[in-house]
Protein backbone atom coordinates (compact mmCIF):
# COMPACT_ATOMS: atom_id res chain seq x y z
CA MET A 1 69.37 65.82 46.92
CA LYS A 2 66.72 68.15 45.51
CA TYR A 3 63.15 68.16 46.76
CA SER A 4 61.93 66.55 43.54
CA ASN A 5 63.99 63.47 44.34
CA LEU A 6 62.38 63.21 47.78
CA LEU A 7 58.76 62.88 46.70
CA ASN A 8 58.93 59.14 47.33
CA LEU A 9 59.70 59.89 50.98
CA PHE A 10 56.56 61.88 51.72
CA PRO A 11 54.17 58.85 51.98
CA LEU A 12 56.50 57.29 54.54
CA VAL A 13 56.74 60.47 56.58
CA SER A 14 52.96 60.79 56.55
CA PHE A 15 52.60 57.27 57.92
CA ILE A 16 55.23 57.95 60.60
CA PHE A 17 53.36 60.99 61.81
CA LEU A 18 49.97 59.22 61.72
CA ILE A 19 51.35 56.36 63.77
CA ASN A 20 52.92 58.79 66.27
CA LEU A 21 49.39 59.95 67.15
CA ASN A 22 48.81 56.46 68.50
CA ILE A 23 52.29 56.12 69.96
CA PHE A 24 51.07 55.15 73.43
CA VAL A 25 49.33 52.15 71.91
CA CYS A 26 52.50 50.79 70.41
CA GLN A 27 54.84 51.54 73.32
CA ASN A 28 57.20 48.71 74.19
CA ASN A 29 56.41 47.01 70.86
CA SER A 30 59.27 45.95 68.65
CA ILE A 31 58.16 45.47 65.05
CA GLN A 32 60.28 43.79 62.40
CA THR A 33 59.66 44.26 58.70
CA THR A 34 60.85 42.01 55.92
CA THR A 35 63.38 44.50 54.65
CA THR A 36 64.27 46.77 57.53
CA THR A 37 64.94 46.11 61.20
CA ILE A 38 64.65 48.87 63.79
CA SER A 39 66.47 48.29 67.04
CA THR A 40 66.26 50.53 70.08
CA THR A 41 68.95 51.21 72.62
CA GLN A 42 68.99 52.85 76.01
CA THR A 43 71.44 55.72 75.84
CA THR A 44 72.99 57.59 78.73
CA PRO A 45 71.97 61.26 78.59
CA LYS A 46 74.68 63.30 76.88
CA THR A 47 76.14 66.68 77.72
CA THR A 48 77.86 69.16 75.45
CA THR A 49 81.17 67.45 76.16
CA SER A 50 79.96 63.93 75.50
CA GLN A 51 81.42 61.90 72.66
CA LEU A 52 79.14 61.45 69.66
CA LYS A 53 77.15 58.22 69.78
CA GLN A 54 75.58 56.89 66.62
CA SER A 55 74.01 53.75 65.30
CA THR A 56 73.34 53.01 61.68
CA LEU A 57 70.67 50.63 60.44
CA PRO A 58 71.48 49.40 56.92
CA SER A 59 68.69 48.77 54.50
CA SER A 60 68.25 45.69 52.40
CA THR A 61 70.32 45.16 49.29
CA THR A 62 69.37 47.63 46.61
CA THR A 63 69.23 47.18 42.88
CA SER A 64 70.06 49.64 40.14
CA THR A 65 66.38 50.53 39.77
CA GLN A 66 65.84 51.32 43.45
CA LEU A 67 66.23 54.66 45.19
CA LEU A 68 68.25 54.70 48.42
CA LEU A 69 67.15 57.35 50.90
CA LYS A 70 69.25 58.11 53.96
CA VAL A 71 67.17 59.25 56.92
CA GLY A 72 68.73 60.94 59.95
CA ILE A 73 66.93 60.93 63.30
CA LEU A 74 67.62 63.30 66.21
CA GLY A 75 66.15 61.60 69.26
CA ALA A 76 65.79 61.94 73.01
CA ASN A 77 66.05 59.16 75.56
CA SER A 78 66.97 60.69 78.91
CA SER A 79 64.89 59.64 81.90
CA GLU A 80 62.88 62.88 82.08
CA LEU A 81 62.05 62.78 78.36
CA ARG A 82 61.56 59.05 77.86
CA SER A 83 57.88 58.83 78.74
CA ALA A 84 56.86 61.54 76.26
CA TYR A 85 59.45 61.40 73.47
CA GLY A 86 61.59 58.38 74.33
CA PHE A 87 63.58 56.81 71.52
CA GLY A 88 62.40 53.32 72.41
CA GLN A 89 58.77 54.44 72.59
CA SER A 90 58.83 56.36 69.31
CA VAL A 91 61.09 54.60 66.81
CA PRO A 92 58.96 51.41 66.54
CA ALA A 93 56.42 53.58 64.73
CA ILE A 94 58.86 53.72 61.82
CA SER A 95 58.71 49.94 61.46
CA ILE A 96 54.92 50.02 61.47
CA ALA A 97 54.83 52.81 58.88
CA LEU A 98 57.34 51.01 56.65
CA GLN A 99 55.39 47.77 56.82
CA ARG A 100 52.11 49.44 55.92
CA ALA A 101 53.69 51.47 53.11
CA ARG A 102 55.23 48.32 51.63
CA ASN A 103 51.96 46.41 51.95
CA GLU A 104 50.25 49.17 49.97
CA HIS A 105 53.11 49.24 47.43
CA LEU A 106 53.86 52.89 48.06
CA ILE A 107 57.62 52.41 48.36
CA ASP A 108 58.31 49.35 46.23
CA PHE A 109 61.38 50.92 44.65
CA VAL A 110 62.71 52.75 47.69
CA ASN A 111 65.14 51.45 50.30
CA PHE A 112 66.03 53.30 53.48
CA THR A 113 69.07 53.68 55.70
CA PHE A 114 68.43 55.11 59.17
CA THR A 115 71.09 56.86 61.25
CA TRP A 116 70.13 58.15 64.68
CA LEU A 117 71.90 60.43 67.15
CA ILE A 118 70.65 61.01 70.70
CA CYS A 119 70.82 64.73 71.48
CA ASP A 120 68.42 64.57 74.46
CA CYS A 121 67.08 68.00 73.52
CA ASP A 122 70.42 69.65 74.32
CA GLN A 123 70.66 72.70 72.06
CA VAL A 124 74.40 72.45 71.42
CA LEU A 125 74.23 68.73 70.68
CA ALA A 126 71.17 69.19 68.49
CA VAL A 127 72.77 71.72 66.16
CA GLY A 128 76.07 69.81 66.16
CA TYR A 129 74.44 66.48 65.37
CA SER A 130 72.30 68.10 62.70
CA ASN A 131 75.50 69.20 60.95
CA LYS A 132 77.09 65.77 61.40
CA LEU A 133 74.12 63.99 59.87
CA ILE A 134 74.34 66.25 56.83
CA LEU A 135 78.12 66.48 56.39
CA ASP A 136 79.34 63.10 57.68
CA GLN A 137 76.38 60.79 57.00
CA ASN A 138 75.09 62.55 53.87
CA VAL A 139 71.47 62.09 54.89
CA ASP A 140 68.68 63.15 52.55
CA VAL A 141 66.25 64.13 55.30
CA ILE A 142 66.22 64.66 59.08
CA ILE A 143 63.42 63.81 61.53
CA GLY A 144 63.42 65.57 64.93
CA PRO A 145 64.40 66.65 67.49
CA PRO A 146 61.14 66.50 69.47
CA CYS A 147 61.82 69.43 71.84
CA VAL A 148 61.15 73.01 70.83
CA THR A 149 64.35 74.59 72.20
CA SER A 150 66.65 72.13 70.43
CA ALA A 151 64.56 72.15 67.25
CA VAL A 152 64.98 75.92 66.97
CA GLU A 153 68.74 75.36 66.62
CA ALA A 154 68.73 72.03 64.78
CA GLY A 155 66.48 73.40 62.04
CA LEU A 156 69.03 75.97 60.85
CA PRO A 157 71.72 73.77 59.19
CA PRO A 158 69.18 71.89 57.00
CA GLY A 159 67.96 75.23 55.70
CA PHE A 160 71.49 76.20 54.69
CA TYR A 161 72.17 72.88 52.94
CA ASN A 162 68.64 72.61 51.49
CA ILE A 163 67.93 69.36 53.36
CA PRO A 164 64.31 68.71 54.47
CA ILE A 165 63.74 68.44 58.21
CA PHE A 166 60.47 67.23 59.76
CA LEU A 167 59.54 68.12 63.34
CA TRP A 168 57.26 66.31 65.77
CA GLY A 169 56.74 66.22 69.53
CA ALA A 170 56.46 69.51 71.41
CA THR A 171 57.66 71.76 68.59
CA ILE A 172 54.88 74.36 68.75
CA ALA A 173 56.91 77.58 68.38
CA THR A 174 55.45 80.07 65.91
CA VAL A 175 58.92 80.82 64.52
CA PHE A 176 58.90 77.49 62.66
CA ASN A 177 56.36 79.03 60.24
CA ASP A 178 58.93 81.59 59.09
CA ASN A 179 60.14 80.31 55.73
CA ASP A 180 62.91 82.89 55.64
CA ILE A 181 64.51 81.32 58.72
CA TYR A 182 63.49 77.69 58.10
CA PRO A 183 63.05 77.28 54.32
CA SER A 184 63.30 73.46 54.41
CA LEU A 185 61.41 72.75 57.65
CA THR A 186 58.03 71.02 57.94
CA ASN A 187 56.30 70.95 61.31
CA ILE A 188 53.38 68.55 61.80
CA ASN A 189 52.25 70.40 64.94
CA SER A 190 50.11 73.45 65.32
CA ASN A 191 51.78 76.43 66.96
CA THR A 192 51.04 78.90 69.71
CA LYS A 193 49.75 81.55 67.30
CA PHE A 194 47.19 79.23 65.74
CA LEU A 195 46.15 77.92 69.16
CA ALA A 196 45.57 81.48 70.36
CA GLN A 197 43.51 82.25 67.25
CA ALA A 198 41.42 79.13 67.87
CA VAL A 199 40.72 80.18 71.47
CA GLU A 200 39.80 83.68 70.29
CA ALA A 201 37.38 82.28 67.70
CA VAL A 202 35.62 80.13 70.32
CA LEU A 203 35.30 83.07 72.73
CA MET A 204 33.83 85.30 70.02
CA GLN A 205 31.45 82.57 68.81
CA TYR A 206 29.87 82.10 72.25
CA GLY A 207 30.27 85.66 73.52
CA TRP A 208 32.56 84.64 76.37
CA TYR A 209 34.61 87.39 77.97
CA ASP A 210 36.14 85.66 80.98
CA PHE A 211 38.06 82.41 80.98
CA SER A 212 40.72 80.62 83.00
CA PHE A 213 43.89 79.15 81.57
CA ILE A 214 45.88 76.47 83.40
CA TYR A 215 49.44 75.75 82.33
CA ILE A 216 51.73 73.12 83.84
CA PRO A 217 55.38 72.89 82.70
CA ASP A 218 56.46 69.42 81.60
CA ASN A 219 59.25 69.23 84.17
CA ILE A 220 56.88 69.44 87.14
CA ARG A 221 54.12 67.16 85.92
CA SER A 222 53.63 64.07 88.06
């Protein structure tokens, strides 16, 4: 599907990303809309040899005047990732965004089908599942994965097939701004280059020459 046919999707994506900013408020909530039901499952972390696991959420019955958009989601749900990017903590935001968009009549003639695959930020699974969503499920757009290392790989197939992919989570690598490598990728996050430029601007504004920087890797945070 060409980008011009995906304009109706952008309001929904905007709402999803806005709601994700408040994701800790809606953790453990399960929201049901009148036309789409989002269910969450606890999935055993996968390895590169694991069998593909997928769940498909059908949309409501469409009419000839409605546009059906197939959305693929690359998620993470392993124990070490669940608190920050867990599938069960994040996906309910889609229900909230859909409900609000429908209430404001932004997607009256659009129905959605969601297919999700749990790659758990494994690079091999991420790129493999990205291909499967495009080739086997014929999705129109992909959301995720939320980890930078897996997103670097998963963002390549959509560029080849001209399928939009939207990133969220910890995807702050500067390389995502390279349109030659990722021509169809949209990242809602800032990146390390822009963060460094912001720090530099603050230092120059106040004439500061010495500063301390504290960095704690995610895997050792308590």
